[in-house]
Amino acid sequence: AQGMDIPDDTHFLPALHNTTTDEVQLFDTEAVPPALGATLAALRNALQTAGQRARAERAPSLGLAHLAQDAPALESSLRDRCDPNGAWPTTPPSSWRRASAHRA
């Protein structure tokens, strides 16, 4: 670990952060040792709370302030904005910019 001491009881857990909904999906949780079960539960809870806070904080900038306290409706609205073009769905149309295809 290139000069970094990692304790022997450290367990690495792969995860995927959905930046549109701010949800984090954990993988291979069945491989977590039973002794770390409470830690895994605390991690899941912390990630869920962080996601809810991030969505509520971002809602006003997306024109969704009225949904900030309604987590299921806000999450649904954010999913509706999903698009394979990356950050486009997370920005309101008024902030989109188009570049000219012709350069002088």
Protein backbone atom coordinates (compact mmCIF):
# COMPACT_ATOMS: atom_id res chain seq x y z
CA ALA A 1 0.00 0.00 0.00
CA GLN A 2 2.86 2.33 -0.89
CA GLY A 3 3.85 3.43 2.59
CA MET A 4 0.33 3.37 3.94
CA ASP A 5 -0.43 1.04 6.84
CA ILE A 6 -3.79 -0.65 6.33
CA PRO A 7 -5.01 -2.61 9.35
CA ASP A 8 -5.42 -6.35 8.82
CA ASP A 9 -9.11 -6.20 9.75
CA THR A 10 -9.88 -3.63 7.00
CA HIS A 11 -12.51 -4.75 4.51
CA PHE A 12 -12.88 -3.02 1.14
CA LEU A 13 -16.35 -2.87 -0.36
CA PRO A 14 -17.05 -2.00 -4.00
CA ALA A 15 -19.81 0.52 -4.61
CA LEU A 16 -21.41 2.57 -7.36
CA HIS A 17 -22.50 6.19 -6.85
CA ASN A 18 -25.41 7.24 -9.07
CA THR A 19 -24.70 10.95 -9.44
CA THR A 20 -28.19 11.69 -10.76
CA THR A 21 -30.05 10.32 -7.73
CA ASP A 22 -27.16 10.43 -5.22
CA GLU A 23 -27.79 6.82 -4.32
CA VAL A 24 -24.90 4.47 -3.56
CA GLN A 25 -25.24 0.80 -4.43
CA LEU A 26 -23.00 -1.53 -2.43
CA PHE A 27 -21.73 -4.74 -4.01
CA ASP A 28 -20.48 -8.01 -2.56
CA THR A 29 -21.98 -7.28 0.85
CA GLU A 30 -22.36 -11.02 1.41
CA ALA A 31 -18.55 -11.18 1.63
CA VAL A 32 -18.49 -8.79 4.60
CA PRO A 33 -17.43 -10.75 7.69
CA PRO A 34 -20.27 -11.23 10.23
CA ALA A 35 -18.21 -9.32 12.79
CA LEU A 36 -18.65 -6.20 10.60
CA GLY A 37 -22.42 -6.57 10.25
CA ALA A 38 -23.20 -3.62 12.53
CA THR A 39 -20.62 -1.49 10.71
CA LEU A 40 -22.18 -2.41 7.36
CA ALA A 41 -25.65 -1.46 8.65
CA ALA A 42 -24.29 1.87 9.90
CA LEU A 43 -22.63 2.49 6.52
CA ARG A 44 -25.90 1.80 4.67
CA ASN A 45 -27.75 4.17 6.98
CA ALA A 46 -25.12 6.89 6.59
CA LEU A 47 -25.16 6.58 2.79
CA GLN A 48 -28.96 6.76 2.70
CA THR A 49 -28.99 9.84 4.94
CA ALA A 50 -26.26 11.53 2.89
CA GLY A 51 -28.16 10.83 -0.33
CA GLN A 52 -31.38 12.27 1.07
CA ARG A 53 -29.58 15.40 2.23
CA ALA A 54 -27.80 15.87 -1.10
CA ARG A 55 -31.06 15.49 -3.05
CA ALA A 56 -32.89 17.95 -0.79
CA GLU A 57 -30.00 20.43 -1.01
CA ARG A 58 -29.91 20.20 -4.80
CA ALA A 59 -33.70 20.33 -5.32
CA PRO A 60 -34.07 24.16 -5.38
CA SER A 61 -31.40 24.57 -8.07
CA LEU A 62 -33.33 22.10 -10.23
CA GLY A 63 -36.66 23.87 -9.79
CA LEU A 64 -37.82 21.13 -7.42
CA ALA A 65 -37.84 23.03 -4.12
CA HIS A 66 -41.47 22.02 -3.60
CA LEU A 67 -40.32 18.38 -3.44
CA ALA A 68 -37.34 18.90 -1.13
CA GLN A 69 -39.14 17.40 1.88
CA ASP A 70 -40.88 14.63 -0.10
CA ALA A 71 -38.04 12.15 -0.65
CA PRO A 72 -39.96 9.62 -2.80
CA ALA A 73 -41.37 12.31 -5.12
CA LEU A 74 -37.98 14.03 -5.39
CA GLU A 75 -36.20 10.76 -6.19
CA SER A 76 -38.82 9.95 -8.81
CA SER A 77 -38.45 13.37 -10.42
CA LEU A 78 -34.66 13.04 -10.50
CA ARG A 79 -34.95 9.60 -12.13
CA ASP A 80 -37.32 11.08 -14.73
CA ARG A 81 -34.50 13.46 -15.68
CA CYS A 82 -32.06 10.59 -16.26
CA ASP A 83 -30.42 10.71 -19.64
CA PRO A 84 -27.43 8.95 -21.12
CA ASN A 85 -25.82 12.35 -21.74
CA GLY A 86 -24.34 12.70 -18.27
CA ALA A 87 -24.85 16.02 -16.47
CA TRP A 88 -27.52 17.38 -18.82
CA PRO A 89 -30.45 15.95 -16.82
CA THR A 90 -29.22 17.50 -13.57
CA THR A 91 -29.29 21.05 -14.88
CA PRO A 92 -32.37 23.12 -15.66
CA PRO A 93 -32.84 23.94 -19.36
CA SER A 94 -32.30 27.64 -18.64
CA SER A 95 -28.65 26.89 -17.82
CA TRP A 96 -27.88 24.87 -20.96
CA ARG A 97 -25.44 26.35 -23.44
CA ARG A 98 -24.91 25.37 -27.02
CA ALA A 99 -21.56 25.70 -28.70
CA SER A 100 -21.33 26.61 -32.35
CA ALA A 101 -20.19 23.81 -34.61
CA HIS A 102 -18.42 26.39 -36.79
CA ARG A 103 -15.23 27.98 -35.54
CA ALA A 104 -13.83 31.11 -37.14
